[in-house]
Amino acid sequence: MAALKAMAHGLPAVITDVVGNCDVVENEKTGFLYEEGEALGAAQSLCRLVDFPDIQKEFVKNVHNHAREQHGISTIFPKSYAILEALC
């Protein structure tokens, strides 16, 4: 949820490539995913955002729309409701 909240405010994510995170972040479009335990990968990703302002600007353009369109309440609620309905 933290990544989604940050993205909703226009912040690209640099997070580990694990279940949940990789469902939220489109690698090299809305942020960077790095392998769990790879501090160097995390550092390199952060440096890319700082050293290449064009990448950062592109990500910022992408993240707000992505968070709303793919993970907003109007998208998530019907999916969640369908899952709950199937369980009952």
C-alpha atoms as a PDB file:
ATOM      1  CA  MET A   1       0.000   0.000   0.000  1.00  0.00           C
ATOM      2  CA  ALA A   2       2.855   2.400   0.712  1.00  0.00           C
ATOM      3  CA  ALA A   3       4.104   2.146  -2.869  1.00  0.00           C
ATOM      4  CA  LEU A   4       0.600   2.818  -4.214  1.00  0.00           C
ATOM      5  CA  LYS A   5       0.170   5.833  -1.967  1.00  0.00           C
ATOM      6  CA  ALA A   6       3.531   7.233  -3.040  1.00  0.00           C
ATOM      7  CA  MET A   7       2.693   6.614  -6.690  1.00  0.00           C
ATOM      8  CA  ALA A   8      -0.681   8.330  -6.297  1.00  0.00           C
ATOM      9  CA  HIS A   9       1.307  11.416  -5.282  1.00  0.00           C
ATOM     10  CA  GLY A  10       3.576  11.141  -8.329  1.00  0.00           C
ATOM     11  CA  LEU A  11       6.569   9.441  -6.730  1.00  0.00           C
ATOM     12  CA  PRO A  12       8.293   6.616  -8.602  1.00  0.00           C
ATOM     13  CA  ALA A  13       9.032   3.523  -6.538  1.00  0.00           C
ATOM     14  CA  VAL A  14      12.332   1.737  -6.013  1.00  0.00           C
ATOM     15  CA  ILE A  15      11.368  -1.490  -4.270  1.00  0.00           C
ATOM     16  CA  THR A  16      12.190  -5.179  -4.087  1.00  0.00           C
ATOM     17  CA  ASP A  17      10.894  -7.498  -6.788  1.00  0.00           C
ATOM     18  CA  VAL A  18       8.593  -9.598  -4.612  1.00  0.00           C
ATOM     19  CA  VAL A  19       4.929 -10.590  -4.775  1.00  0.00           C
ATOM     20  CA  GLY A  20       2.773  -7.537  -4.271  1.00  0.00           C
ATOM     21  CA  ASN A  21       5.445  -5.043  -5.266  1.00  0.00           C
ATOM     22  CA  CYS A  22       5.805  -6.465  -8.764  1.00  0.00           C
ATOM     23  CA  ASP A  23       2.012  -6.340  -9.076  1.00  0.00           C
ATOM     24  CA  VAL A  24       2.085  -2.603  -8.418  1.00  0.00           C
ATOM     25  CA  VAL A  25       5.258  -1.331 -10.104  1.00  0.00           C
ATOM     26  CA  GLU A  26       5.917  -1.659 -13.814  1.00  0.00           C
ATOM     27  CA  ASN A  27       9.688  -2.023 -13.871  1.00  0.00           C
ATOM     28  CA  GLU A  28      11.387   0.822 -15.735  1.00  0.00           C
ATOM     29  CA  LYS A  29       8.047   2.513 -16.408  1.00  0.00           C
ATOM     30  CA  THR A  30       6.681   3.508 -13.012  1.00  0.00           C
ATOM     31  CA  GLY A  31       9.754   2.687 -10.954  1.00  0.00           C
ATOM     32  CA  PHE A  32      12.499   0.161 -10.481  1.00  0.00           C
ATOM     33  CA  LEU A  33      12.300  -3.330  -9.063  1.00  0.00           C
ATOM     34  CA  TYR A  34      15.467  -4.887  -7.679  1.00  0.00           C
ATOM     35  CA  GLU A  35      16.194  -8.364  -6.374  1.00  0.00           C
ATOM     36  CA  GLU A  36      15.582  -8.952  -2.674  1.00  0.00           C
ATOM     37  CA  GLY A  37      18.779  -8.550  -0.669  1.00  0.00           C
ATOM     38  CA  GLU A  38      20.548  -6.699  -3.490  1.00  0.00           C
ATOM     39  CA  ALA A  39      21.512  -3.406  -1.883  1.00  0.00           C
ATOM     40  CA  LEU A  40      23.658  -2.572  -4.908  1.00  0.00           C
ATOM     41  CA  GLY A  41      20.630  -2.955  -7.194  1.00  0.00           C
ATOM     42  CA  ALA A  42      18.637  -0.608  -4.987  1.00  0.00           C
ATOM     43  CA  ALA A  43      21.459   1.936  -4.929  1.00  0.00           C
ATOM     44  CA  GLN A  44      21.926   1.763  -8.710  1.00  0.00           C
ATOM     45  CA  SER A  45      18.218   2.313  -9.257  1.00  0.00           C
ATOM     46  CA  LEU A  46      18.146   5.330  -6.960  1.00  0.00           C
ATOM     47  CA  CYS A  47      21.219   6.747  -8.703  1.00  0.00           C
ATOM     48  CA  ARG A  48      19.521   6.350 -12.087  1.00  0.00           C
ATOM     49  CA  LEU A  49      16.605   8.459 -10.866  1.00  0.00           C
ATOM     50  CA  VAL A  50      18.967  11.145  -9.593  1.00  0.00           C
ATOM     51  CA  ASP A  51      21.503  11.065 -12.435  1.00  0.00           C
ATOM     52  CA  PHE A  52      18.994  10.920 -15.287  1.00  0.00           C
ATOM     53  CA  PRO A  53      16.279  13.556 -14.802  1.00  0.00           C
ATOM     54  CA  ASP A  54      14.574  12.486 -18.034  1.00  0.00           C
ATOM     55  CA  ILE A  55      13.931   9.030 -16.569  1.00  0.00           C
ATOM     56  CA  GLN A  56      12.596  10.589 -13.399  1.00  0.00           C
ATOM     57  CA  LYS A  57      10.291  12.925 -15.345  1.00  0.00           C
ATOM     58  CA  GLU A  58       8.978  10.030 -17.442  1.00  0.00           C
ATOM     59  CA  PHE A  59       8.295   7.919 -14.349  1.00  0.00           C
ATOM     60  CA  VAL A  60       6.534  10.809 -12.622  1.00  0.00           C
ATOM     61  CA  LYS A  61       4.286  11.190 -15.675  1.00  0.00           C
ATOM     62  CA  ASN A  62       3.472   7.488 -15.593  1.00  0.00           C
ATOM     63  CA  VAL A  63       2.995   6.785 -11.891  1.00  0.00           C
ATOM     64  CA  HIS A  64       0.011   8.955 -11.089  1.00  0.00           C
ATOM     65  CA  ASN A  65      -2.099   7.588 -13.926  1.00  0.00           C
ATOM     66  CA  HIS A  66      -0.953   4.033 -13.309  1.00  0.00           C
ATOM     67  CA  ALA A  67      -1.878   4.153  -9.621  1.00  0.00           C
ATOM     68  CA  ARG A  68      -5.339   5.532 -10.348  1.00  0.00           C
ATOM     69  CA  GLU A  69      -6.151   3.423 -13.419  1.00  0.00           C
ATOM     70  CA  GLN A  70      -4.757   0.088 -12.272  1.00  0.00           C
ATOM     71  CA  HIS A  71      -5.166   0.282  -8.495  1.00  0.00           C
ATOM     72  CA  GLY A  72      -7.806   2.927  -7.794  1.00  0.00           C
ATOM     73  CA  ILE A  73     -10.968   2.171  -5.855  1.00  0.00           C
ATOM     74  CA  SER A  74     -13.105   2.002  -9.003  1.00  0.00           C
ATOM     75  CA  THR A  75     -10.862  -0.790 -10.294  1.00  0.00           C
ATOM     76  CA  ILE A  76     -10.065  -2.645  -7.068  1.00  0.00           C
ATOM     77  CA  PHE A  77     -13.528  -2.633  -5.481  1.00  0.00           C
ATOM     78  CA  PRO A  78     -15.299  -4.663  -8.197  1.00  0.00           C
ATOM     79  CA  LYS A  79     -12.456  -7.206  -8.246  1.00  0.00           C
ATOM     80  CA  SER A  80     -12.462  -7.521  -4.463  1.00  0.00           C
ATOM     81  CA  TYR A  81     -16.244  -7.792  -4.355  1.00  0.00           C
ATOM     82  CA  ALA A  82     -16.201 -10.565  -6.966  1.00  0.00           C
ATOM     83  CA  ILE A  83     -13.660 -12.525  -4.940  1.00  0.00           C
ATOM     84  CA  LEU A  84     -15.672 -12.153  -1.742  1.00  0.00           C
ATOM     85  CA  GLU A  85     -18.896 -13.060  -3.513  1.00  0.00           C
ATOM     86  CA  ALA A  86     -17.315 -16.234  -4.895  1.00  0.00           C
ATOM     87  CA  LEU A  87     -16.254 -17.249  -1.399  1.00  0.00           C
ATOM     88  CA  CYS A  88     -19.738 -16.893   0.091  1.00  0.00           C
END
